Amino acid sequence: MTKLLVDTINSQIGHILIVTDSEHLCMLDFAACEARIMNLLQKRYQRFDLIAITNPQGFSQQVQAYLAGDLQSIDNIPANPGGTPFQQQVWSALRTIPPGTTISYRELATRIGKPAAYRAVGMANSQNPVAIVLPCHRVVGTNGSLTGYAGGIERKRWLLQHEGVDCSKLK
């Protein structure tokens, strides 16, 4: 049975759950999405124990620093999101999008060398288990719309505004 460490952070956008495997961040999601979290963890680990701990590997503190305005504080958190090779490729590319900027799903597909796979990129984005650190919130529709976000569009809007994006220019 896999032992996973879990912490909860209170934030302006709700409670955030952080799950680590004692070395890497393997899940970061909003507590309001508990069913999604448990589904993803069961799919990946089958059997696991969640052990409550404060600030595992210092990751909670780094996420709190991000939420307080230090946008680079999460850049070096080691993430191990699991997933298929394609999902890993998409999720890795998310970390190349600087804070305060957005790109489209089509642009992200082009960045990974698969320009026709923008819908598959969107699907991979929707299954990202490490929100914020693997910044899927920085990806928008080709027309500039704030399409989809597992944590909810209002959280996506908040995160983008927090990073300095003028969301009035987004649809």
N, C-alpha and C. Protein backbone atom coordinates (compact mmCIF):
# COMPACT_ATOMS: atom_id res chain seq x y z
N MET A 1 0.84 -1.17 0.00
CA MET A 1 0.00 0.00 0.00
C MET A 1 0.89 1.24 0.00
N THR A 2 0.59 2.19 -0.88
CA THR A 2 1.36 3.43 -0.99
C THR A 2 0.95 4.40 0.10
N LYS A 3 1.95 4.99 0.75
CA LYS A 3 1.67 6.00 1.76
C LYS A 3 1.85 7.37 1.12
N LEU A 4 0.80 8.17 1.18
CA LEU A 4 0.82 9.52 0.63
C LEU A 4 0.61 10.52 1.75
N LEU A 5 1.34 11.61 1.69
CA LEU A 5 1.22 12.66 2.69
C LEU A 5 0.28 13.73 2.17
N VAL A 6 -0.60 14.22 3.04
CA VAL A 6 -1.60 15.20 2.61
C VAL A 6 -1.65 16.36 3.58
N ASP A 7 -1.81 17.55 3.02
CA ASP A 7 -1.97 18.77 3.80
C ASP A 7 -3.08 19.59 3.16
N THR A 8 -3.71 20.43 3.96
CA THR A 8 -4.75 21.32 3.47
C THR A 8 -4.32 22.76 3.73
N ILE A 9 -4.43 23.58 2.71
CA ILE A 9 -4.10 25.00 2.80
C ILE A 9 -5.40 25.79 2.68
N ASN A 10 -5.60 26.74 3.56
CA ASN A 10 -6.71 27.68 3.41
C ASN A 10 -6.25 28.79 2.48
N SER A 11 -7.09 29.15 1.53
CA SER A 11 -6.70 30.20 0.58
C SER A 11 -7.90 31.06 0.22
N GLN A 12 -7.63 32.12 -0.50
CA GLN A 12 -8.66 33.03 -0.97
C GLN A 12 -9.63 32.35 -1.94
N ILE A 13 -9.22 31.25 -2.52
CA ILE A 13 -10.04 30.56 -3.51
C ILE A 13 -10.50 29.19 -3.01
N GLY A 14 -10.50 29.03 -1.70
CA GLY A 14 -10.97 27.79 -1.10
C GLY A 14 -9.83 26.94 -0.57
N HIS A 15 -10.20 25.85 0.07
CA HIS A 15 -9.21 24.93 0.63
C HIS A 15 -8.52 24.18 -0.50
N ILE A 16 -7.21 24.09 -0.39
CA ILE A 16 -6.38 23.41 -1.39
C ILE A 16 -5.75 22.19 -0.72
N LEU A 17 -5.87 21.05 -1.38
CA LEU A 17 -5.24 19.82 -0.89
C LEU A 17 -3.93 19.58 -1.64
N ILE A 18 -2.92 19.26 -0.86
CA ILE A 18 -1.60 18.93 -1.41
C ILE A 18 -1.31 17.49 -1.02
N VAL A 19 -0.97 16.67 -2.00
CA VAL A 19 -0.65 15.26 -1.75
C VAL A 19 0.74 15.00 -2.32
N THR A 20 1.60 14.40 -1.48
CA THR A 20 2.96 14.08 -1.93
C THR A 20 3.23 12.60 -1.69
N ASP A 21 4.23 12.12 -2.41
CA ASP A 21 4.67 10.74 -2.21
C ASP A 21 5.93 10.71 -1.35
N SER A 22 6.15 11.74 -0.58
CA SER A 22 7.29 11.99 0.32
C SER A 22 8.50 12.58 -0.40
N GLU A 23 8.46 12.63 -1.72
CA GLU A 23 9.53 13.27 -2.49
C GLU A 23 8.99 14.29 -3.48
N HIS A 24 7.87 13.96 -4.10
CA HIS A 24 7.31 14.77 -5.18
C HIS A 24 5.87 15.17 -4.86
N LEU A 25 5.47 16.27 -5.43
CA LEU A 25 4.06 16.66 -5.39
C LEU A 25 3.34 15.81 -6.43
N CYS A 26 2.35 15.05 -6.01
CA CYS A 26 1.64 14.21 -6.98
C CYS A 26 0.18 14.63 -7.15
N MET A 27 -0.28 15.55 -6.31
CA MET A 27 -1.66 16.05 -6.46
C MET A 27 -1.75 17.41 -5.78
N LEU A 28 -2.35 18.36 -6.45
CA LEU A 28 -2.71 19.63 -5.86
C LEU A 28 -4.04 19.99 -6.49
N ASP A 29 -5.06 20.08 -5.66
CA ASP A 29 -6.39 20.36 -6.18
C ASP A 29 -7.20 21.04 -5.09
N PHE A 30 -8.36 21.48 -5.45
CA PHE A 30 -9.24 22.17 -4.52
C PHE A 30 -10.09 21.15 -3.77
N ALA A 31 -10.22 21.34 -2.46
CA ALA A 31 -10.96 20.39 -1.62
C ALA A 31 -12.38 20.21 -2.13
N ALA A 32 -12.93 21.23 -2.76
CA ALA A 32 -14.27 21.13 -3.32
C ALA A 32 -14.35 20.07 -4.42
N CYS A 33 -13.20 19.65 -4.92
CA CYS A 33 -13.14 18.64 -5.99
C CYS A 33 -12.74 17.28 -5.42
N GLU A 34 -13.16 16.99 -4.20
CA GLU A 34 -12.72 15.77 -3.51
C GLU A 34 -13.00 14.50 -4.29
N ALA A 35 -14.16 14.41 -4.93
CA ALA A 35 -14.48 13.20 -5.69
C ALA A 35 -13.47 13.01 -6.83
N ARG A 36 -13.13 14.09 -7.52
CA ARG A 36 -12.14 14.04 -8.60
C ARG A 36 -10.79 13.60 -8.04
N ILE A 37 -10.39 14.17 -6.91
CA ILE A 37 -9.11 13.85 -6.28
C ILE A 37 -9.04 12.37 -5.97
N MET A 38 -10.05 11.86 -5.30
CA MET A 38 -10.05 10.45 -4.91
C MET A 38 -10.06 9.53 -6.14
N ASN A 39 -10.79 9.91 -7.16
CA ASN A 39 -10.84 9.13 -8.39
C ASN A 39 -9.46 9.06 -9.05
N LEU A 40 -8.79 10.21 -9.15
CA LEU A 40 -7.46 10.23 -9.76
C LEU A 40 -6.44 9.45 -8.93
N LEU A 41 -6.50 9.59 -7.60
CA LEU A 41 -5.57 8.85 -6.75
C LEU A 41 -5.81 7.34 -6.84
N GLN A 42 -7.09 6.92 -6.85
CA GLN A 42 -7.38 5.48 -6.95
C GLN A 42 -6.96 4.93 -8.30
N LYS A 43 -7.16 5.69 -9.34
CA LYS A 43 -6.76 5.25 -10.67
C LYS A 43 -5.24 5.07 -10.74
N ARG A 44 -4.52 5.97 -10.11
CA ARG A 44 -3.06 5.92 -10.18
C ARG A 44 -2.45 4.91 -9.21
N TYR A 45 -2.91 4.90 -7.96
CA TYR A 45 -2.26 4.10 -6.92
C TYR A 45 -3.04 2.85 -6.50
N GLN A 46 -4.26 2.71 -6.93
CA GLN A 46 -5.15 1.62 -6.52
C GLN A 46 -5.37 1.63 -4.99
N ARG A 47 -4.36 1.25 -4.25
CA ARG A 47 -4.46 1.22 -2.78
C ARG A 47 -3.46 2.20 -2.19
N PHE A 48 -3.96 3.06 -1.30
CA PHE A 48 -3.09 4.06 -0.69
C PHE A 48 -3.64 4.48 0.66
N ASP A 49 -2.74 4.98 1.49
CA ASP A 49 -3.09 5.57 2.77
C ASP A 49 -2.77 7.04 2.70
N LEU A 50 -3.70 7.89 3.11
CA LEU A 50 -3.45 9.33 3.20
C LEU A 50 -3.07 9.65 4.64
N ILE A 51 -1.90 10.21 4.81
CA ILE A 51 -1.39 10.55 6.14
C ILE A 51 -1.32 12.06 6.25
N ALA A 52 -2.09 12.64 7.15
CA ALA A 52 -2.11 14.09 7.34
C ALA A 52 -0.80 14.55 7.96
N ILE A 53 -0.21 15.56 7.36
CA ILE A 53 1.05 16.13 7.84
C ILE A 53 1.06 17.61 7.45
N THR A 54 1.69 18.41 8.27
CA THR A 54 1.78 19.84 7.97
C THR A 54 2.99 20.10 7.08
N ASN A 55 2.76 20.80 5.98
CA ASN A 55 3.81 21.29 5.10
C ASN A 55 4.78 20.22 4.62
N PRO A 56 4.28 19.15 3.99
CA PRO A 56 5.18 18.09 3.52
C PRO A 56 6.21 18.64 2.52
N GLN A 57 7.46 18.32 2.76
CA GLN A 57 8.60 18.74 1.94
C GLN A 57 8.68 20.27 1.74
N GLY A 58 7.94 21.02 2.54
CA GLY A 58 7.92 22.47 2.39
C GLY A 58 7.03 22.95 1.26
N PHE A 59 6.32 22.02 0.60
CA PHE A 59 5.51 22.37 -0.56
C PHE A 59 4.34 23.28 -0.20
N SER A 60 3.71 23.05 0.95
CA SER A 60 2.57 23.88 1.35
C SER A 60 3.03 25.33 1.51
N GLN A 61 4.17 25.51 2.11
CA GLN A 61 4.72 26.85 2.32
C GLN A 61 5.01 27.53 0.98
N GLN A 62 5.53 26.78 0.02
CA GLN A 62 5.81 27.34 -1.29
C GLN A 62 4.53 27.73 -2.02
N VAL A 63 3.49 26.92 -1.90
CA VAL A 63 2.20 27.27 -2.53
C VAL A 63 1.61 28.49 -1.83
N GLN A 64 1.71 28.56 -0.52
CA GLN A 64 1.22 29.74 0.21
C GLN A 64 1.98 30.99 -0.22
N ALA A 65 3.27 30.89 -0.45
CA ALA A 65 4.06 32.04 -0.93
C ALA A 65 3.55 32.48 -2.31
N TYR A 66 3.26 31.51 -3.18
CA TYR A 66 2.68 31.84 -4.49
C TYR A 66 1.38 32.61 -4.31
N LEU A 67 0.51 32.10 -3.45
CA LEU A 67 -0.79 32.74 -3.23
C LEU A 67 -0.64 34.13 -2.61
N ALA A 68 0.47 34.36 -1.92
CA ALA A 68 0.74 35.66 -1.31
C ALA A 68 1.43 36.62 -2.28
N GLY A 69 1.75 36.15 -3.49
CA GLY A 69 2.31 37.04 -4.50
C GLY A 69 3.69 36.68 -5.02
N ASP A 70 4.38 35.71 -4.42
CA ASP A 70 5.68 35.28 -4.92
C ASP A 70 5.44 34.22 -5.99
N LEU A 71 5.21 34.68 -7.20
CA LEU A 71 4.78 33.80 -8.29
C LEU A 71 5.82 32.76 -8.70
N GLN A 72 7.09 32.99 -8.38
CA GLN A 72 8.14 32.03 -8.73
C GLN A 72 8.37 30.99 -7.64
N SER A 73 7.71 31.11 -6.51
CA SER A 73 7.97 30.20 -5.38
C SER A 73 7.63 28.75 -5.68
N ILE A 74 6.81 28.51 -6.68
CA ILE A 74 6.40 27.13 -7.00
C ILE A 74 7.19 26.53 -8.16
N ASP A 75 8.07 27.33 -8.75
CA ASP A 75 8.78 26.89 -9.97
C ASP A 75 9.61 25.63 -9.79
N ASN A 76 10.16 25.43 -8.60
CA ASN A 76 11.07 24.30 -8.41
C ASN A 76 10.47 23.17 -7.60
N ILE A 77 9.17 23.18 -7.39
CA ILE A 77 8.53 22.07 -6.70
C ILE A 77 8.58 20.86 -7.63
N PRO A 78 9.20 19.77 -7.20
CA PRO A 78 9.23 18.59 -8.07
C PRO A 78 7.86 17.94 -8.12
N ALA A 79 7.35 17.80 -9.32
CA ALA A 79 6.02 17.21 -9.51
C ALA A 79 6.14 15.86 -10.20
N ASN A 80 5.31 14.93 -9.74
CA ASN A 80 5.23 13.61 -10.35
C ASN A 80 3.73 13.32 -10.53
N PRO A 81 3.16 13.82 -11.63
CA PRO A 81 1.71 13.70 -11.81
C PRO A 81 1.24 12.34 -12.34
N GLY A 82 2.18 11.46 -12.69
CA GLY A 82 1.77 10.19 -13.30
C GLY A 82 1.30 10.46 -14.72
N GLY A 83 0.28 9.73 -15.16
CA GLY A 83 -0.30 9.95 -16.48
C GLY A 83 0.39 9.19 -17.59
N THR A 84 -0.19 9.31 -18.76
CA THR A 84 0.35 8.68 -19.96
C THR A 84 1.55 9.50 -20.47
N PRO A 85 2.35 8.94 -21.36
CA PRO A 85 3.45 9.73 -21.92
C PRO A 85 2.95 11.04 -22.57
N PHE A 86 1.83 10.98 -23.27
CA PHE A 86 1.29 12.20 -23.90
C PHE A 86 0.89 13.21 -22.83
N GLN A 87 0.17 12.77 -21.80
CA GLN A 87 -0.23 13.68 -20.73
C GLN A 87 1.00 14.29 -20.06
N GLN A 88 2.01 13.49 -19.81
CA GLN A 88 3.24 14.00 -19.19
C GLN A 88 3.89 15.07 -20.06
N GLN A 89 3.86 14.86 -21.36
CA GLN A 89 4.43 15.83 -22.30
C GLN A 89 3.66 17.16 -22.21
N VAL A 90 2.34 17.07 -22.20
CA VAL A 90 1.51 18.28 -22.09
C VAL A 90 1.75 18.95 -20.75
N TRP A 91 1.69 18.19 -19.67
CA TRP A 91 1.83 18.77 -18.33
C TRP A 91 3.20 19.39 -18.13
N SER A 92 4.23 18.78 -18.69
CA SER A 92 5.57 19.34 -18.61
C SER A 92 5.64 20.68 -19.35
N ALA A 93 5.00 20.74 -20.51
CA ALA A 93 5.00 21.98 -21.30
C ALA A 93 4.28 23.12 -20.58
N LEU A 94 3.34 22.79 -19.70
CA LEU A 94 2.64 23.84 -18.96
C LEU A 94 3.61 24.69 -18.14
N ARG A 95 4.65 24.06 -17.64
CA ARG A 95 5.62 24.78 -16.80
C ARG A 95 6.46 25.77 -17.60
N THR A 96 6.38 25.74 -18.93
CA THR A 96 7.12 26.70 -19.75
C THR A 96 6.33 27.98 -19.99
N ILE A 97 5.08 28.02 -19.54
CA ILE A 97 4.25 29.22 -19.72
C ILE A 97 4.51 30.14 -18.53
N PRO A 98 5.08 31.30 -18.76
CA PRO A 98 5.41 32.19 -17.64
C PRO A 98 4.17 32.72 -16.93
N PRO A 99 4.29 32.99 -15.62
CA PRO A 99 3.18 33.63 -14.91
C PRO A 99 2.80 34.94 -15.59
N GLY A 100 1.52 35.22 -15.60
CA GLY A 100 1.05 36.47 -16.19
C GLY A 100 0.82 36.40 -17.67
N THR A 101 0.96 35.21 -18.25
CA THR A 101 0.71 35.04 -19.68
C THR A 101 -0.26 33.89 -19.90
N THR A 102 -0.88 33.90 -21.05
CA THR A 102 -1.75 32.80 -21.44
C THR A 102 -1.38 32.37 -22.85
N ILE A 103 -1.68 31.12 -23.15
CA ILE A 103 -1.56 30.62 -24.52
C ILE A 103 -2.82 29.79 -24.80
N SER A 104 -3.05 29.52 -26.05
CA SER A 104 -4.22 28.71 -26.43
C SER A 104 -3.85 27.23 -26.42
N TYR A 105 -4.89 26.41 -26.41
CA TYR A 105 -4.67 24.95 -26.52
C TYR A 105 -3.94 24.64 -27.82
N ARG A 106 -4.29 25.34 -28.87
CA ARG A 106 -3.63 25.14 -30.17
C ARG A 106 -2.13 25.48 -30.07
N GLU A 107 -1.82 26.60 -29.41
CA GLU A 107 -0.41 26.98 -29.23
C GLU A 107 0.34 25.93 -28.41
N LEU A 108 -0.31 25.43 -27.38
CA LEU A 108 0.33 24.41 -26.54
C LEU A 108 0.57 23.13 -27.35
N ALA A 109 -0.39 22.76 -28.18
CA ALA A 109 -0.22 21.58 -29.04
C ALA A 109 0.96 21.78 -29.99
N THR A 110 1.09 22.98 -30.52
CA THR A 110 2.21 23.28 -31.41
C THR A 110 3.53 23.20 -30.66
N ARG A 111 3.55 23.71 -29.43
CA ARG A 111 4.78 23.67 -28.62
C ARG A 111 5.28 22.26 -28.39
N ILE A 112 4.36 21.30 -28.28
CA ILE A 112 4.80 19.92 -28.04
C ILE A 112 4.99 19.15 -29.34
N GLY A 113 4.89 19.86 -30.47
CA GLY A 113 5.14 19.24 -31.77
C GLY A 113 3.97 18.47 -32.34
N LYS A 114 2.76 18.75 -31.83
CA LYS A 114 1.56 18.05 -32.31
C LYS A 114 0.45 19.08 -32.58
N PRO A 115 0.65 19.94 -33.58
CA PRO A 115 -0.27 21.06 -33.79
C PRO A 115 -1.73 20.66 -34.04
N ALA A 116 -1.97 19.47 -34.56
CA ALA A 116 -3.34 19.04 -34.81
C ALA A 116 -4.01 18.44 -33.58
N ALA A 117 -3.26 18.26 -32.51
CA ALA A 117 -3.77 17.56 -31.32
C ALA A 117 -4.29 18.51 -30.24
N TYR A 118 -4.79 19.67 -30.64
CA TYR A 118 -5.22 20.66 -29.64
C TYR A 118 -6.39 20.16 -28.79
N ARG A 119 -7.25 19.33 -29.33
CA ARG A 119 -8.34 18.77 -28.51
C ARG A 119 -7.80 17.77 -27.50
N ALA A 120 -6.85 16.96 -27.91
CA ALA A 120 -6.22 16.01 -26.98
C ALA A 120 -5.44 16.76 -25.91
N VAL A 121 -4.83 17.87 -26.28
CA VAL A 121 -4.15 18.73 -25.31
C VAL A 121 -5.15 19.26 -24.30
N GLY A 122 -6.31 19.68 -24.77
CA GLY A 122 -7.37 20.16 -23.88
C GLY A 122 -7.83 19.07 -22.92
N MET A 123 -7.95 17.86 -23.41
CA MET A 123 -8.35 16.73 -22.56
C MET A 123 -7.27 16.43 -21.52
N ALA A 124 -6.03 16.45 -21.93
CA ALA A 124 -4.93 16.23 -20.98
C ALA A 124 -4.93 17.32 -19.91
N ASN A 125 -5.14 18.54 -20.35
CA ASN A 125 -5.21 19.67 -19.41
C ASN A 125 -6.29 19.45 -18.37
N SER A 126 -7.44 18.95 -18.80
CA SER A 126 -8.57 18.76 -17.89
C SER A 126 -8.29 17.66 -16.86
N GLN A 127 -7.31 16.81 -17.13
CA GLN A 127 -6.97 15.71 -16.22
C GLN A 127 -5.69 15.97 -15.43
N ASN A 128 -5.20 17.19 -15.48
CA ASN A 128 -3.99 17.57 -14.75
C ASN A 128 -4.24 17.42 -13.25
N PRO A 129 -3.48 16.56 -12.57
CA PRO A 129 -3.71 16.37 -11.14
C PRO A 129 -2.94 17.36 -10.25
N VAL A 130 -2.11 18.20 -10.85
CA VAL A 130 -1.28 19.11 -10.05
C VAL A 130 -1.57 20.55 -10.49
N ALA A 131 -2.75 21.04 -10.10
CA ALA A 131 -3.15 22.40 -10.45
C ALA A 131 -2.15 23.40 -9.89
N ILE A 132 -2.16 24.57 -10.43
CA ILE A 132 -1.34 25.72 -10.04
C ILE A 132 0.14 25.48 -10.34
N VAL A 133 0.74 24.42 -9.80
CA VAL A 133 2.17 24.15 -10.03
C VAL A 133 2.41 23.75 -11.48
N LEU A 134 1.54 22.92 -12.04
CA LEU A 134 1.52 22.66 -13.48
C LEU A 134 0.38 23.53 -13.99
N PRO A 135 0.68 24.76 -14.40
CA PRO A 135 -0.32 25.82 -14.53
C PRO A 135 -1.26 25.71 -15.73
N CYS A 136 -2.16 24.74 -15.66
CA CYS A 136 -3.15 24.57 -16.73
C CYS A 136 -4.10 25.77 -16.80
N HIS A 137 -4.16 26.58 -15.73
CA HIS A 137 -5.03 27.76 -15.75
C HIS A 137 -4.53 28.81 -16.74
N ARG A 138 -3.32 28.69 -17.21
CA ARG A 138 -2.76 29.66 -18.17
C ARG A 138 -3.12 29.34 -19.61
N VAL A 139 -3.89 28.28 -19.82
CA VAL A 139 -4.28 27.88 -21.17
C VAL A 139 -5.74 28.28 -21.40
N VAL A 140 -5.97 28.99 -22.50
CA VAL A 140 -7.30 29.51 -22.82
C VAL A 140 -7.70 29.04 -24.23
N GLY A 141 -8.96 29.26 -24.56
CA GLY A 141 -9.44 28.91 -25.90
C GLY A 141 -8.76 29.76 -26.97
N THR A 142 -8.77 29.28 -28.20
CA THR A 142 -8.15 29.99 -29.31
C THR A 142 -8.74 31.39 -29.47
N ASN A 143 -10.02 31.53 -29.14
CA ASN A 143 -10.68 32.83 -29.25
C ASN A 143 -10.50 33.69 -27.99
N GLY A 144 -9.65 33.24 -27.07
CA GLY A 144 -9.40 34.00 -25.85
C GLY A 144 -10.40 33.73 -24.74
N SER A 145 -11.20 32.69 -24.88
CA SER A 145 -12.20 32.39 -23.85
C SER A 145 -11.59 31.61 -22.70
N LEU A 146 -12.13 31.85 -21.51
CA LEU A 146 -11.68 31.13 -20.31
C LEU A 146 -12.38 29.78 -20.26
N THR A 147 -12.05 28.92 -21.19
CA THR A 147 -12.72 27.63 -21.26
C THR A 147 -12.20 26.68 -20.20
N GLY A 148 -13.09 25.92 -19.66
CA GLY A 148 -12.81 24.82 -18.76
C GLY A 148 -11.72 25.01 -17.74
N TYR A 149 -11.99 24.53 -16.55
CA TYR A 149 -11.01 24.45 -15.48
C TYR A 149 -11.64 23.57 -14.43
N ALA A 150 -10.97 22.48 -14.08
CA ALA A 150 -11.55 21.52 -13.14
C ALA A 150 -11.93 22.17 -11.82
N GLY A 151 -11.20 23.20 -11.41
CA GLY A 151 -11.49 23.90 -10.16
C GLY A 151 -12.55 24.97 -10.31
N GLY A 152 -13.05 25.19 -11.52
CA GLY A 152 -14.08 26.19 -11.78
C GLY A 152 -13.49 27.43 -12.44
N ILE A 153 -14.28 28.01 -13.32
CA ILE A 153 -13.84 29.18 -14.10
C ILE A 153 -13.49 30.36 -13.20
N GLU A 154 -14.22 30.55 -12.11
CA GLU A 154 -13.92 31.69 -11.22
C GLU A 154 -12.55 31.55 -10.58
N ARG A 155 -12.17 30.33 -10.24
CA ARG A 155 -10.81 30.12 -9.71
C ARG A 155 -9.77 30.38 -10.79
N LYS A 156 -10.05 29.92 -12.00
CA LYS A 156 -9.13 30.17 -13.11
C LYS A 156 -8.96 31.68 -13.30
N ARG A 157 -10.06 32.40 -13.30
CA ARG A 157 -10.01 33.86 -13.45
C ARG A 157 -9.18 34.48 -12.31
N TRP A 158 -9.42 34.02 -11.07
CA TRP A 158 -8.69 34.56 -9.93
C TRP A 158 -7.19 34.33 -10.08
N LEU A 159 -6.80 33.10 -10.45
CA LEU A 159 -5.39 32.76 -10.61
C LEU A 159 -4.74 33.62 -11.69
N LEU A 160 -5.42 33.80 -12.80
CA LEU A 160 -4.86 34.62 -13.88
C LEU A 160 -4.72 36.07 -13.44
N GLN A 161 -5.75 36.61 -12.78
CA GLN A 161 -5.67 37.99 -12.30
C GLN A 161 -4.58 38.13 -11.25
N HIS A 162 -4.45 37.13 -10.38
CA HIS A 162 -3.41 37.12 -9.36
C HIS A 162 -2.02 37.22 -10.00
N GLU A 163 -1.88 36.63 -11.18
CA GLU A 163 -0.61 36.65 -11.89
C GLU A 163 -0.45 37.90 -12.77
N GLY A 164 -1.47 38.74 -12.81
CA GLY A 164 -1.36 39.98 -13.56
C GLY A 164 -1.99 39.98 -14.93
N VAL A 165 -2.75 38.94 -15.28
CA VAL A 165 -3.42 38.89 -16.57
C VAL A 165 -4.66 39.79 -16.51
N ASP A 166 -4.84 40.60 -17.54
CA ASP A 166 -6.04 41.44 -17.64
C ASP A 166 -7.16 40.58 -18.23
N CYS A 167 -7.99 40.05 -17.33
CA CYS A 167 -9.04 39.13 -17.77
C CYS A 167 -10.18 39.84 -18.49
N SER A 168 -10.22 41.15 -18.46
CA SER A 168 -11.26 41.86 -19.21
C SER A 168 -11.06 41.69 -20.70
N LYS A 169 -9.83 41.32 -21.10
CA LYS A 169 -9.55 41.08 -22.52
C LYS A 169 -9.86 39.64 -22.93
N LEU A 170 -10.17 38.80 -21.94
CA LEU A 170 -10.53 37.42 -22.22
C LEU A 170 -12.04 37.29 -22.21
N LYS A 171 -12.54 36.35 -22.95
CA LYS A 171 -14.00 36.19 -23.07
C LYS A 171 -14.54 35.29 -21.99
